[in-house]
Structures are given as structure tokens and as C-alpha cells.
N, C-alpha and C. Protein backbone atom coordinates (compact mmCIF):
# COMPACT_ATOMS: atom_id res chain seq x y z
N MET A 1 17.21 -28.87 8.66
CA MET A 1 15.88 -28.33 8.44
C MET A 1 15.00 -28.65 9.64
N ALA A 2 14.24 -27.66 10.10
CA ALA A 2 13.31 -27.88 11.21
C ALA A 2 11.97 -28.36 10.66
N ARG A 3 11.54 -29.53 11.08
CA ARG A 3 10.30 -30.12 10.56
C ARG A 3 9.12 -29.95 11.51
N ILE A 4 9.38 -29.63 12.78
CA ILE A 4 8.30 -29.42 13.76
C ILE A 4 8.62 -28.17 14.56
N PRO A 5 7.60 -27.49 15.13
CA PRO A 5 7.85 -26.30 15.95
C PRO A 5 8.70 -26.62 17.17
N ALA A 6 9.34 -25.59 17.72
CA ALA A 6 10.23 -25.77 18.87
C ALA A 6 9.49 -26.36 20.06
N GLU A 7 8.22 -25.97 20.26
CA GLU A 7 7.48 -26.44 21.43
C GLU A 7 7.15 -27.93 21.36
N GLN A 8 7.34 -28.54 20.20
CA GLN A 8 7.07 -29.97 20.06
C GLN A 8 8.35 -30.81 20.11
N ARG A 9 9.48 -30.18 20.40
CA ARG A 9 10.75 -30.90 20.42
C ARG A 9 11.13 -31.42 21.78
N GLY A 10 10.32 -31.19 22.78
CA GLY A 10 10.61 -31.72 24.11
C GLY A 10 9.76 -31.05 25.16
N PRO A 11 9.60 -31.69 26.34
CA PRO A 11 8.79 -31.13 27.43
C PRO A 11 9.32 -29.77 27.88
N GLY A 12 8.40 -28.85 28.12
CA GLY A 12 8.76 -27.55 28.65
C GLY A 12 9.34 -26.57 27.66
N ARG A 13 9.38 -26.93 26.40
CA ARG A 13 9.96 -26.04 25.40
C ARG A 13 8.87 -25.17 24.78
N GLY A 14 9.23 -23.95 24.42
CA GLY A 14 8.29 -23.03 23.79
C GLY A 14 8.85 -22.52 22.47
N ARG A 15 8.04 -21.72 21.76
CA ARG A 15 8.47 -21.22 20.47
C ARG A 15 9.70 -20.32 20.59
N ASP A 16 9.84 -19.62 21.74
CA ASP A 16 11.00 -18.75 21.89
C ASP A 16 12.27 -19.49 22.29
N ASP A 17 12.23 -20.82 22.26
CA ASP A 17 13.44 -21.61 22.50
C ASP A 17 14.30 -21.75 21.24
N VAL A 18 13.84 -21.22 20.11
CA VAL A 18 14.68 -21.28 18.92
C VAL A 18 15.90 -20.39 19.12
N ARG A 19 16.95 -20.64 18.36
CA ARG A 19 18.15 -19.83 18.45
C ARG A 19 18.04 -18.60 17.57
N LEU A 20 18.77 -17.56 17.95
CA LEU A 20 18.76 -16.28 17.24
C LEU A 20 20.17 -15.96 16.80
N LEU A 21 20.39 -16.02 15.48
CA LEU A 21 21.68 -15.65 14.90
C LEU A 21 21.68 -14.15 14.67
N VAL A 22 22.67 -13.44 15.20
CA VAL A 22 22.74 -11.99 15.10
C VAL A 22 23.94 -11.59 14.26
N SER A 23 23.68 -10.90 13.16
CA SER A 23 24.75 -10.38 12.29
C SER A 23 24.81 -8.87 12.46
N ARG A 24 26.00 -8.37 12.79
CA ARG A 24 26.20 -6.92 12.88
C ARG A 24 27.11 -6.51 11.74
N GLY A 25 26.51 -6.17 10.62
CA GLY A 25 27.28 -5.81 9.44
C GLY A 25 28.17 -6.98 9.02
N THR A 26 29.39 -6.67 8.65
CA THR A 26 30.33 -7.71 8.20
C THR A 26 31.41 -7.97 9.24
N ARG A 27 31.22 -7.50 10.47
CA ARG A 27 32.27 -7.60 11.48
C ARG A 27 32.00 -8.68 12.53
N GLN A 28 30.75 -8.93 12.86
CA GLN A 28 30.47 -9.78 14.01
C GLN A 28 29.22 -10.61 13.78
N VAL A 29 29.29 -11.89 14.13
CA VAL A 29 28.14 -12.78 14.12
C VAL A 29 28.13 -13.52 15.45
N SER A 30 26.98 -13.56 16.11
CA SER A 30 26.88 -14.25 17.40
C SER A 30 25.58 -15.02 17.48
N LEU A 31 25.53 -15.99 18.36
CA LEU A 31 24.35 -16.86 18.49
C LEU A 31 23.77 -16.68 19.88
N HIS A 32 22.45 -16.51 19.95
CA HIS A 32 21.75 -16.25 21.20
C HIS A 32 20.46 -17.09 21.23
N ALA A 33 19.77 -17.02 22.36
CA ALA A 33 18.40 -17.54 22.43
C ALA A 33 17.46 -16.44 21.98
N PHE A 34 16.36 -16.79 21.31
CA PHE A 34 15.46 -15.78 20.79
C PHE A 34 14.93 -14.88 21.89
N ARG A 35 14.76 -15.41 23.10
CA ARG A 35 14.23 -14.61 24.19
C ARG A 35 15.17 -13.46 24.59
N GLU A 36 16.40 -13.48 24.11
CA GLU A 36 17.35 -12.40 24.40
C GLU A 36 17.17 -11.20 23.48
N LEU A 37 16.26 -11.28 22.53
CA LEU A 37 16.10 -10.22 21.52
C LEU A 37 15.99 -8.82 22.12
N PRO A 38 15.14 -8.56 23.14
CA PRO A 38 15.03 -7.17 23.63
C PRO A 38 16.36 -6.58 24.08
N GLY A 39 17.23 -7.38 24.67
CA GLY A 39 18.50 -6.88 25.14
C GLY A 39 19.51 -6.62 24.05
N LEU A 40 19.21 -7.06 22.82
CA LEU A 40 20.12 -6.86 21.70
C LEU A 40 19.81 -5.60 20.92
N LEU A 41 18.71 -4.95 21.25
CA LEU A 41 18.30 -3.74 20.55
C LEU A 41 18.54 -2.52 21.43
N ARG A 42 18.62 -1.35 20.79
CA ARG A 42 18.82 -0.10 21.49
C ARG A 42 17.56 0.75 21.38
N ALA A 43 17.36 1.64 22.34
CA ALA A 43 16.21 2.55 22.29
C ALA A 43 16.24 3.33 20.99
N GLY A 44 15.13 3.33 20.30
CA GLY A 44 15.03 4.06 19.05
C GLY A 44 15.33 3.24 17.82
N ASP A 45 15.80 2.01 17.97
CA ASP A 45 16.06 1.16 16.81
C ASP A 45 14.77 0.92 16.03
N VAL A 46 14.89 0.92 14.72
CA VAL A 46 13.76 0.57 13.85
C VAL A 46 14.05 -0.81 13.29
N LEU A 47 13.22 -1.77 13.62
CA LEU A 47 13.44 -3.17 13.25
C LEU A 47 12.34 -3.63 12.32
N VAL A 48 12.71 -4.22 11.18
CA VAL A 48 11.75 -4.79 10.25
C VAL A 48 11.57 -6.27 10.57
N VAL A 49 10.35 -6.69 10.87
CA VAL A 49 10.03 -8.09 11.06
C VAL A 49 9.50 -8.61 9.74
N ASN A 50 10.22 -9.53 9.12
CA ASN A 50 9.88 -9.98 7.77
C ASN A 50 8.76 -11.01 7.83
N THR A 51 7.52 -10.56 7.57
CA THR A 51 6.39 -11.48 7.54
C THR A 51 5.75 -11.54 6.16
N SER A 52 6.31 -10.84 5.20
CA SER A 52 5.74 -10.84 3.85
C SER A 52 6.85 -10.50 2.87
N THR A 53 6.45 -10.26 1.62
CA THR A 53 7.44 -9.93 0.61
C THR A 53 7.76 -8.45 0.57
N THR A 54 7.27 -7.67 1.54
CA THR A 54 7.46 -6.23 1.49
C THR A 54 8.92 -5.87 1.73
N LEU A 55 9.44 -4.94 0.93
CA LEU A 55 10.80 -4.46 1.10
C LEU A 55 10.91 -3.63 2.37
N ALA A 56 12.14 -3.48 2.83
CA ALA A 56 12.38 -2.67 4.03
C ALA A 56 12.43 -1.20 3.66
N ALA A 57 11.36 -0.70 3.07
CA ALA A 57 11.29 0.71 2.70
C ALA A 57 9.82 1.09 2.58
N ALA A 58 9.52 2.33 2.94
CA ALA A 58 8.16 2.85 2.84
C ALA A 58 8.25 4.29 2.41
N VAL A 59 7.31 4.73 1.61
CA VAL A 59 7.34 6.08 1.04
C VAL A 59 6.01 6.77 1.33
N ASP A 60 6.08 8.03 1.79
CA ASP A 60 4.87 8.81 2.00
C ASP A 60 4.19 9.10 0.67
N ALA A 61 2.87 9.09 0.68
CA ALA A 61 2.11 9.29 -0.56
C ALA A 61 0.76 9.89 -0.22
N ARG A 62 -0.01 10.20 -1.27
CA ARG A 62 -1.37 10.70 -1.07
C ARG A 62 -2.30 10.03 -2.07
N LEU A 63 -3.51 9.74 -1.61
CA LEU A 63 -4.58 9.22 -2.45
C LEU A 63 -5.75 10.17 -2.29
N GLY A 64 -5.94 11.04 -3.29
CA GLY A 64 -6.92 12.11 -3.12
C GLY A 64 -6.45 13.05 -2.03
N ARG A 65 -7.28 13.25 -1.00
CA ARG A 65 -6.90 14.11 0.13
C ARG A 65 -6.35 13.32 1.31
N GLU A 66 -6.17 12.03 1.12
CA GLU A 66 -5.77 11.15 2.23
C GLU A 66 -4.26 10.89 2.20
N ASP A 67 -3.62 11.10 3.36
CA ASP A 67 -2.21 10.75 3.50
C ASP A 67 -2.06 9.25 3.67
N LEU A 68 -1.11 8.67 2.94
CA LEU A 68 -0.87 7.24 3.00
C LEU A 68 0.63 6.98 3.05
N VAL A 69 0.98 5.72 3.29
CA VAL A 69 2.34 5.22 3.17
C VAL A 69 2.29 4.05 2.21
N VAL A 70 3.19 4.03 1.22
CA VAL A 70 3.25 2.94 0.24
C VAL A 70 4.44 2.05 0.55
N HIS A 71 4.19 0.76 0.71
CA HIS A 71 5.26 -0.24 0.83
C HIS A 71 5.41 -0.91 -0.53
N PHE A 72 6.63 -0.89 -1.05
CA PHE A 72 6.91 -1.53 -2.33
C PHE A 72 7.40 -2.95 -2.12
N SER A 73 6.96 -3.85 -2.98
CA SER A 73 7.34 -5.25 -2.88
C SER A 73 7.99 -5.67 -4.19
N THR A 74 7.43 -6.66 -4.86
CA THR A 74 8.04 -7.27 -6.04
C THR A 74 7.81 -6.43 -7.30
N ARG A 75 8.85 -6.37 -8.15
CA ARG A 75 8.69 -5.76 -9.47
C ARG A 75 8.36 -6.84 -10.48
N GLY A 76 7.26 -6.67 -11.19
CA GLY A 76 6.86 -7.65 -12.19
C GLY A 76 7.62 -7.51 -13.48
N ASP A 77 7.58 -8.56 -14.30
CA ASP A 77 8.27 -8.52 -15.59
C ASP A 77 7.70 -7.46 -16.53
N ASP A 78 6.47 -7.04 -16.29
CA ASP A 78 5.83 -6.05 -17.15
C ASP A 78 6.05 -4.62 -16.66
N GLY A 79 6.90 -4.43 -15.64
CA GLY A 79 7.21 -3.10 -15.15
C GLY A 79 6.33 -2.63 -14.01
N ARG A 80 5.29 -3.39 -13.70
CA ARG A 80 4.45 -3.02 -12.57
C ARG A 80 5.12 -3.41 -11.26
N TRP A 81 4.66 -2.80 -10.17
CA TRP A 81 5.15 -3.13 -8.83
C TRP A 81 4.00 -3.62 -7.96
N ALA A 82 4.28 -4.63 -7.14
CA ALA A 82 3.34 -5.04 -6.11
C ALA A 82 3.52 -4.10 -4.93
N VAL A 83 2.44 -3.45 -4.50
CA VAL A 83 2.52 -2.47 -3.43
C VAL A 83 1.45 -2.74 -2.38
N GLU A 84 1.72 -2.24 -1.18
CA GLU A 84 0.74 -2.28 -0.10
C GLU A 84 0.51 -0.85 0.37
N LEU A 85 -0.73 -0.43 0.46
CA LEU A 85 -1.08 0.88 0.99
C LEU A 85 -1.32 0.77 2.49
N ARG A 86 -0.74 1.71 3.25
CA ARG A 86 -0.91 1.74 4.70
C ARG A 86 -1.31 3.15 5.11
N ALA A 87 -2.04 3.28 6.21
CA ALA A 87 -2.47 4.57 6.71
C ALA A 87 -1.64 4.93 7.94
N PRO A 88 -1.19 6.19 8.06
CA PRO A 88 -0.46 6.58 9.27
C PRO A 88 -1.32 6.39 10.51
N ALA A 89 -0.69 5.88 11.58
CA ALA A 89 -1.42 5.59 12.82
C ALA A 89 -0.84 6.34 14.01
N GLY A 90 0.08 7.28 13.75
CA GLY A 90 0.67 8.05 14.84
C GLY A 90 1.90 7.38 15.41
N GLY A 91 2.82 8.18 15.89
CA GLY A 91 4.03 7.65 16.50
C GLY A 91 4.94 6.91 15.54
N GLY A 92 4.85 7.23 14.25
CA GLY A 92 5.68 6.56 13.26
C GLY A 92 5.19 5.20 12.85
N THR A 93 3.99 4.80 13.31
CA THR A 93 3.44 3.49 12.95
C THR A 93 2.38 3.65 11.87
N THR A 94 1.99 2.53 11.27
CA THR A 94 0.94 2.53 10.25
C THR A 94 -0.05 1.40 10.54
N ARG A 95 -1.20 1.50 9.90
CA ARG A 95 -2.21 0.45 10.02
C ARG A 95 -2.65 0.05 8.61
N PRO A 96 -3.23 -1.13 8.46
CA PRO A 96 -3.65 -1.57 7.12
C PRO A 96 -4.65 -0.61 6.48
N HIS A 97 -4.55 -0.50 5.18
CA HIS A 97 -5.47 0.33 4.40
C HIS A 97 -5.80 -0.45 3.14
N ALA A 98 -7.07 -0.61 2.87
CA ALA A 98 -7.47 -1.38 1.69
C ALA A 98 -6.96 -0.71 0.43
N GLY A 99 -6.48 -1.52 -0.50
CA GLY A 99 -6.04 -1.00 -1.79
C GLY A 99 -7.22 -0.76 -2.71
N GLY A 100 -6.92 -0.20 -3.89
CA GLY A 100 -7.97 0.01 -4.88
C GLY A 100 -8.71 1.32 -4.65
N PRO A 101 -9.72 1.55 -5.49
CA PRO A 101 -10.17 0.67 -6.57
C PRO A 101 -9.24 0.72 -7.77
N ALA A 102 -9.44 -0.19 -8.70
CA ALA A 102 -8.65 -0.19 -9.92
C ALA A 102 -8.77 1.16 -10.61
N GLY A 103 -7.63 1.70 -11.02
CA GLY A 103 -7.62 3.01 -11.65
C GLY A 103 -7.30 4.15 -10.71
N ALA A 104 -7.31 3.88 -9.39
CA ALA A 104 -6.98 4.93 -8.43
C ALA A 104 -5.53 5.38 -8.63
N VAL A 105 -5.28 6.67 -8.46
CA VAL A 105 -3.95 7.24 -8.67
C VAL A 105 -3.37 7.66 -7.32
N VAL A 106 -2.21 7.11 -6.98
CA VAL A 106 -1.50 7.44 -5.75
C VAL A 106 -0.36 8.39 -6.11
N GLU A 107 -0.32 9.55 -5.47
CA GLU A 107 0.70 10.55 -5.75
C GLU A 107 1.94 10.28 -4.91
N LEU A 108 3.11 10.30 -5.57
CA LEU A 108 4.40 10.02 -4.94
C LEU A 108 5.25 11.29 -4.93
N PRO A 109 6.36 11.29 -4.17
CA PRO A 109 7.27 12.45 -4.20
C PRO A 109 7.83 12.69 -5.60
N ASP A 110 8.27 13.91 -5.83
CA ASP A 110 8.92 14.31 -7.08
C ASP A 110 8.02 14.17 -8.30
N GLY A 111 6.71 14.25 -8.11
CA GLY A 111 5.79 14.23 -9.23
C GLY A 111 5.44 12.87 -9.78
N GLY A 112 5.90 11.81 -9.14
CA GLY A 112 5.57 10.47 -9.61
C GLY A 112 4.17 10.05 -9.20
N ARG A 113 3.65 9.05 -9.87
CA ARG A 113 2.31 8.52 -9.57
C ARG A 113 2.32 7.01 -9.69
N LEU A 114 1.44 6.38 -8.96
CA LEU A 114 1.17 4.96 -9.10
C LEU A 114 -0.29 4.79 -9.48
N VAL A 115 -0.56 4.04 -10.53
CA VAL A 115 -1.93 3.73 -10.91
C VAL A 115 -2.22 2.30 -10.49
N LEU A 116 -3.15 2.13 -9.55
CA LEU A 116 -3.51 0.79 -9.08
C LEU A 116 -4.30 0.07 -10.18
N GLU A 117 -3.88 -1.18 -10.48
CA GLU A 117 -4.52 -1.88 -11.59
C GLU A 117 -5.35 -3.07 -11.15
N GLU A 118 -4.79 -3.95 -10.32
CA GLU A 118 -5.55 -5.12 -9.90
C GLU A 118 -4.89 -5.74 -8.67
N PRO A 119 -5.66 -6.46 -7.84
CA PRO A 119 -5.07 -7.14 -6.68
C PRO A 119 -4.13 -8.26 -7.15
N LEU A 120 -3.14 -8.58 -6.32
CA LEU A 120 -2.27 -9.70 -6.63
C LEU A 120 -3.03 -11.01 -6.65
N ALA A 121 -4.00 -11.13 -5.76
CA ALA A 121 -4.80 -12.35 -5.67
C ALA A 121 -6.28 -11.97 -5.70
N ALA A 122 -7.06 -12.73 -6.43
CA ALA A 122 -8.49 -12.45 -6.52
C ALA A 122 -9.13 -12.49 -5.14
N GLY A 123 -9.94 -11.47 -4.84
CA GLY A 123 -10.64 -11.43 -3.56
C GLY A 123 -9.83 -10.83 -2.43
N ALA A 124 -8.57 -10.47 -2.68
CA ALA A 124 -7.73 -9.86 -1.64
C ALA A 124 -7.49 -8.41 -1.99
N ASP A 125 -7.36 -7.55 -0.96
CA ASP A 125 -7.16 -6.13 -1.26
C ASP A 125 -5.95 -5.54 -0.57
N ARG A 126 -5.06 -6.38 0.00
CA ARG A 126 -3.89 -5.84 0.69
C ARG A 126 -2.79 -5.48 -0.28
N LEU A 127 -2.43 -6.39 -1.18
CA LEU A 127 -1.36 -6.15 -2.15
C LEU A 127 -1.96 -5.95 -3.54
N TRP A 128 -1.52 -4.89 -4.22
CA TRP A 128 -2.02 -4.56 -5.55
C TRP A 128 -0.88 -4.42 -6.54
N TRP A 129 -1.16 -4.77 -7.79
CA TRP A 129 -0.25 -4.42 -8.86
C TRP A 129 -0.51 -2.97 -9.23
N ALA A 130 0.59 -2.18 -9.28
CA ALA A 130 0.47 -0.76 -9.61
C ALA A 130 1.53 -0.40 -10.64
N ARG A 131 1.17 0.48 -11.56
CA ARG A 131 2.10 0.87 -12.61
C ARG A 131 2.60 2.30 -12.34
N PRO A 132 3.94 2.46 -12.26
CA PRO A 132 4.50 3.80 -12.03
C PRO A 132 4.34 4.69 -13.26
N HIS A 133 4.11 5.97 -13.03
CA HIS A 133 4.04 6.97 -14.09
C HIS A 133 4.76 8.22 -13.61
N PRO A 134 5.37 9.01 -14.48
CA PRO A 134 5.53 8.70 -15.91
C PRO A 134 6.58 7.63 -16.13
N ALA A 135 6.40 6.85 -17.16
CA ALA A 135 7.36 5.79 -17.48
C ALA A 135 8.58 6.42 -18.15
N PRO A 136 9.81 5.99 -17.84
CA PRO A 136 10.09 5.01 -16.77
C PRO A 136 10.38 5.72 -15.46
N TYR A 137 9.44 5.70 -14.53
CA TYR A 137 9.64 6.31 -13.21
C TYR A 137 10.53 5.40 -12.39
N GLY A 138 11.58 5.94 -11.79
CA GLY A 138 12.59 5.12 -11.12
C GLY A 138 12.23 4.79 -9.69
N VAL A 139 11.56 3.67 -9.46
CA VAL A 139 11.19 3.29 -8.10
C VAL A 139 12.42 3.03 -7.23
N PRO A 140 13.46 2.31 -7.70
CA PRO A 140 14.63 2.14 -6.83
C PRO A 140 15.25 3.46 -6.38
N ALA A 141 15.33 4.43 -7.29
CA ALA A 141 15.86 5.74 -6.91
C ALA A 141 14.94 6.43 -5.90
N LEU A 142 13.64 6.25 -6.07
CA LEU A 142 12.68 6.82 -5.13
C LEU A 142 12.89 6.24 -3.73
N LEU A 143 13.10 4.93 -3.65
CA LEU A 143 13.30 4.30 -2.35
C LEU A 143 14.60 4.77 -1.71
N ARG A 144 15.64 4.96 -2.53
CA ARG A 144 16.90 5.45 -1.97
C ARG A 144 16.74 6.87 -1.43
N ALA A 145 15.92 7.68 -2.11
CA ALA A 145 15.78 9.08 -1.71
C ALA A 145 14.79 9.29 -0.58
N TYR A 146 13.70 8.51 -0.56
CA TYR A 146 12.61 8.79 0.36
C TYR A 146 12.22 7.60 1.24
N GLY A 147 12.78 6.44 1.00
CA GLY A 147 12.40 5.27 1.78
C GLY A 147 12.84 5.39 3.22
N ARG A 148 12.06 4.80 4.14
CA ARG A 148 12.41 4.79 5.56
C ARG A 148 13.71 4.02 5.76
N VAL A 149 14.57 4.56 6.60
CA VAL A 149 15.81 3.88 6.95
C VAL A 149 15.55 2.98 8.16
N VAL A 150 16.02 1.76 8.10
CA VAL A 150 15.81 0.82 9.20
C VAL A 150 17.15 0.43 9.79
N ASP A 151 17.11 -0.05 11.03
CA ASP A 151 18.32 -0.45 11.73
C ASP A 151 18.53 -1.96 11.71
N GLY A 152 17.49 -2.72 11.41
CA GLY A 152 17.65 -4.16 11.42
C GLY A 152 16.49 -4.88 10.76
N LEU A 153 16.69 -6.14 10.51
CA LEU A 153 15.67 -6.97 9.89
C LEU A 153 15.65 -8.32 10.59
N LEU A 154 14.47 -8.75 11.02
CA LEU A 154 14.29 -10.02 11.71
C LEU A 154 13.57 -10.99 10.80
N THR A 155 14.19 -12.13 10.53
CA THR A 155 13.64 -13.05 9.53
C THR A 155 14.01 -14.47 9.89
N GLY A 156 13.34 -15.41 9.27
CA GLY A 156 13.70 -16.82 9.43
C GLY A 156 14.93 -17.15 8.61
N LEU A 157 15.45 -18.35 8.82
CA LEU A 157 16.60 -18.83 8.07
C LEU A 157 16.12 -19.73 6.94
N HIS A 158 16.66 -19.51 5.76
CA HIS A 158 16.34 -20.33 4.59
C HIS A 158 17.61 -21.00 4.10
N GLU A 159 17.46 -22.10 3.38
CA GLU A 159 18.64 -22.81 2.93
C GLU A 159 19.49 -21.93 2.02
N PRO A 160 20.81 -22.04 2.10
CA PRO A 160 21.68 -21.23 1.23
C PRO A 160 21.31 -21.43 -0.24
N GLY A 161 21.28 -20.33 -0.97
CA GLY A 161 20.91 -20.38 -2.38
C GLY A 161 19.46 -20.06 -2.64
N ALA A 162 18.63 -19.95 -1.58
CA ALA A 162 17.22 -19.63 -1.77
C ALA A 162 17.06 -18.19 -2.25
N SER A 163 16.04 -17.95 -3.07
CA SER A 163 15.83 -16.60 -3.61
C SER A 163 15.52 -15.59 -2.50
N HIS A 164 15.03 -16.08 -1.35
CA HIS A 164 14.75 -15.22 -0.20
C HIS A 164 15.98 -14.40 0.19
N LEU A 165 17.16 -14.96 -0.02
CA LEU A 165 18.38 -14.28 0.40
C LEU A 165 18.65 -13.01 -0.41
N LEU A 166 18.11 -12.93 -1.62
CA LEU A 166 18.29 -11.73 -2.43
C LEU A 166 17.65 -10.53 -1.76
N MET A 167 16.50 -10.74 -1.11
CA MET A 167 15.85 -9.65 -0.39
C MET A 167 16.69 -9.21 0.79
N LEU A 168 17.28 -10.19 1.51
CA LEU A 168 18.14 -9.84 2.64
C LEU A 168 19.37 -9.06 2.17
N GLU A 169 19.93 -9.46 1.04
CA GLU A 169 21.11 -8.76 0.52
C GLU A 169 20.77 -7.32 0.14
N ALA A 170 19.55 -7.09 -0.32
CA ALA A 170 19.15 -5.73 -0.67
C ALA A 170 19.10 -4.83 0.55
N VAL A 171 18.86 -5.42 1.72
CA VAL A 171 18.77 -4.64 2.96
C VAL A 171 20.11 -4.57 3.67
N ALA A 172 20.76 -5.72 3.85
CA ALA A 172 21.96 -5.79 4.69
C ALA A 172 23.26 -5.85 3.91
N GLY A 173 23.19 -6.14 2.60
CA GLY A 173 24.40 -6.29 1.82
C GLY A 173 24.80 -7.76 1.69
N ARG A 174 25.39 -8.10 0.55
CA ARG A 174 25.74 -9.50 0.28
C ARG A 174 26.78 -10.03 1.26
N ALA A 175 27.79 -9.21 1.57
CA ALA A 175 28.86 -9.69 2.45
C ALA A 175 28.33 -10.05 3.83
N ALA A 176 27.45 -9.20 4.39
CA ALA A 176 26.90 -9.48 5.72
C ALA A 176 26.05 -10.74 5.72
N VAL A 177 25.23 -10.93 4.68
CA VAL A 177 24.38 -12.12 4.62
C VAL A 177 25.23 -13.38 4.49
N ARG A 178 26.25 -13.34 3.65
CA ARG A 178 27.09 -14.51 3.47
C ARG A 178 27.86 -14.86 4.74
N LEU A 179 28.33 -13.82 5.45
CA LEU A 179 29.03 -14.07 6.71
C LEU A 179 28.10 -14.72 7.72
N GLY A 180 26.88 -14.20 7.82
CA GLY A 180 25.91 -14.78 8.75
C GLY A 180 25.56 -16.21 8.42
N TYR A 181 25.35 -16.50 7.14
CA TYR A 181 24.96 -17.84 6.75
C TYR A 181 26.11 -18.84 6.88
N ALA A 182 27.34 -18.37 6.72
CA ALA A 182 28.47 -19.26 6.97
C ALA A 182 28.49 -19.70 8.43
N GLU A 183 28.21 -18.76 9.34
CA GLU A 183 28.15 -19.09 10.76
C GLU A 183 26.96 -19.98 11.07
N ALA A 184 25.82 -19.71 10.43
CA ALA A 184 24.63 -20.53 10.65
C ALA A 184 24.89 -21.99 10.26
N MET A 185 25.57 -22.20 9.16
CA MET A 185 25.88 -23.56 8.73
C MET A 185 26.89 -24.22 9.67
N ALA A 186 27.88 -23.43 10.13
CA ALA A 186 28.88 -23.99 11.04
C ALA A 186 28.26 -24.38 12.38
N ARG A 187 27.22 -23.62 12.81
CA ARG A 187 26.59 -23.88 14.10
C ARG A 187 25.35 -24.77 13.97
N LEU A 188 25.12 -25.31 12.78
CA LEU A 188 24.02 -26.24 12.53
C LEU A 188 22.66 -25.64 12.89
N CYS A 189 22.47 -24.38 12.49
CA CYS A 189 21.16 -23.75 12.70
C CYS A 189 20.12 -24.43 11.81
N LEU A 190 18.87 -24.32 12.21
CA LEU A 190 17.77 -24.98 11.51
C LEU A 190 17.04 -24.00 10.60
N TRP A 191 16.64 -24.50 9.40
CA TRP A 191 16.01 -23.65 8.39
C TRP A 191 14.49 -23.72 8.48
N HIS A 192 13.86 -22.82 7.73
CA HIS A 192 12.44 -22.80 7.43
C HIS A 192 11.58 -22.33 8.59
N GLU A 193 10.25 -22.40 8.42
CA GLU A 193 9.34 -21.70 9.33
C GLU A 193 9.40 -22.19 10.76
N PHE A 194 9.84 -23.42 11.00
CA PHE A 194 9.96 -23.92 12.36
C PHE A 194 11.39 -23.84 12.88
N GLY A 195 12.25 -23.20 12.11
CA GLY A 195 13.67 -23.19 12.45
C GLY A 195 14.09 -21.99 13.28
N ASP A 196 15.39 -21.71 13.25
CA ASP A 196 15.97 -20.62 14.03
C ASP A 196 15.75 -19.29 13.30
N ILE A 197 16.12 -18.21 13.98
CA ILE A 197 15.82 -16.86 13.52
C ILE A 197 17.12 -16.10 13.26
N HIS A 198 17.08 -15.18 12.31
CA HIS A 198 18.26 -14.38 11.95
C HIS A 198 17.93 -12.90 12.14
N LEU A 199 18.72 -12.22 12.96
CA LEU A 199 18.59 -10.79 13.18
C LEU A 199 19.78 -10.09 12.53
N LEU A 200 19.53 -9.27 11.51
CA LEU A 200 20.58 -8.53 10.83
C LEU A 200 20.53 -7.09 11.29
N LEU A 201 21.63 -6.61 11.87
CA LEU A 201 21.72 -5.26 12.40
C LEU A 201 22.82 -4.49 11.68
N LYS A 202 22.78 -3.16 11.81
CA LYS A 202 23.84 -2.33 11.27
C LYS A 202 25.15 -2.62 11.98
N ASP A 203 26.24 -2.39 11.29
CA ASP A 203 27.57 -2.47 11.88
C ASP A 203 27.72 -1.29 12.84
N GLU A 204 27.87 -1.56 14.14
CA GLU A 204 27.94 -0.50 15.14
C GLU A 204 29.20 0.35 14.99
N ASN A 205 30.20 -0.13 14.25
CA ASN A 205 31.42 0.62 14.06
C ASN A 205 31.34 1.56 12.85
N ARG A 206 30.16 1.53 12.17
CA ARG A 206 29.95 2.42 11.05
C ARG A 206 28.66 3.19 11.30
N ASN A 207 28.42 4.24 10.50
CA ASN A 207 27.19 5.01 10.61
C ASN A 207 26.96 5.50 12.03
N HIS A 208 27.98 6.03 12.67
CA HIS A 208 27.88 6.44 14.06
C HIS A 208 26.78 7.47 14.29
N SER A 209 26.47 8.23 13.26
CA SER A 209 25.46 9.27 13.43
C SER A 209 24.08 8.69 13.69
N HIS A 210 23.89 7.37 13.41
CA HIS A 210 22.59 6.73 13.60
C HIS A 210 22.53 5.96 14.91
N CYS A 211 23.61 5.97 15.69
CA CYS A 211 23.64 5.18 16.92
C CYS A 211 22.88 5.89 18.02
């Protein structure tokens, strides 16, 4: 476990001195310095940097006459979903968009709707609890049909068995995550926010049409 940032582990060290574990599907795992990241990506790659609980999927939507993008996060026990509303910013990018107000209806593909109910945290407007309609509207099927496809996910390393790994498995698959974490343990990688980094990429020997 990493207890202090990399720049505090010795003279001349910086945050990019952490190690970067790279998993390419279930075929290859390699260890690099984080500063090598640009050379590990290809032109046109779409990379998700995991800084929140947002899933690696986004769906086009509308709120009134406004075009939006909805990021889906956690599904609550009551059937609601935590969502983040984003506004298109050109070039395939988005910018933050305040959620709400309560009762606002977000239109989704195939006739689905999201009714915004309340913020996840009092006083915050980024993440909202929203209820899909008509019930039971299939959000997982919606994400499979309309969600953005990504080429990789960049995230920190967490101890094996942490619930965080379930999110990684949803993106990269259980076999790829387990292979990567076996290598991380063998190479004594460091966990948590001050630790090493994990880059999960598509298997280059599969999905050739996306290369």
C-alpha cells in the first residue's frame, strides 16, 4: 500500500514516477513508467480516466430543447440510477451541466425517460438520482445499444477483493482484470490513491475493425 505520494519518496521524484501496469485484454500485461503513457496509445483511442463512479458509457439525450449527454453511475436498491448530465462541447467532448431541477424529464433513445428526483448529496448538483420510465426501462440494454464505446480505462490500483474491481470488470471483463491484478501482486505494485496506475486496453488481436 502506498501511504505517501511519489514525490515524497525521495529527492527528485515526481507524481509521474509511479508505475503503470498495462493490460491488453487477456493476452498481455506489461509494466511501464507512467510518463510512458502517450506512447502506449494510438491516434483516435478513446480513454476513460476514472475519477468518479461514472460508468464507461454515455448516452445522448434531450432536456426540453437542449441536447445533453447522460452518464450513468450507480443503480440504487430502489431502482433509481445516479446520473450526471453533461453538455456537448464539440469534437466529441462534453462539459459539466448542472442537474435538476427535481421533476425535470430527460428524454432517452427508444422512448425512454429519466425523471430527476434529488441530488446525491445535499447542496451538490453534479450527480442526481433519476428514475427511469416507463418501468421497467432497461438501462443496461440502453447502454449496450447506445453507450459510447471506449478503448481503455485509466484507474488507480485497489487491493484485490475491493468492490472497485466490479466496475473494472464491467468495462474490461473479469479475466482481463484478474490477469492484470495477478501481475500487479507479483510485481509488488502499490495500491490506493498514492500508488501505481492501471491502464486497461482492448486486446489488439481482437476487434480489428476498431484498430
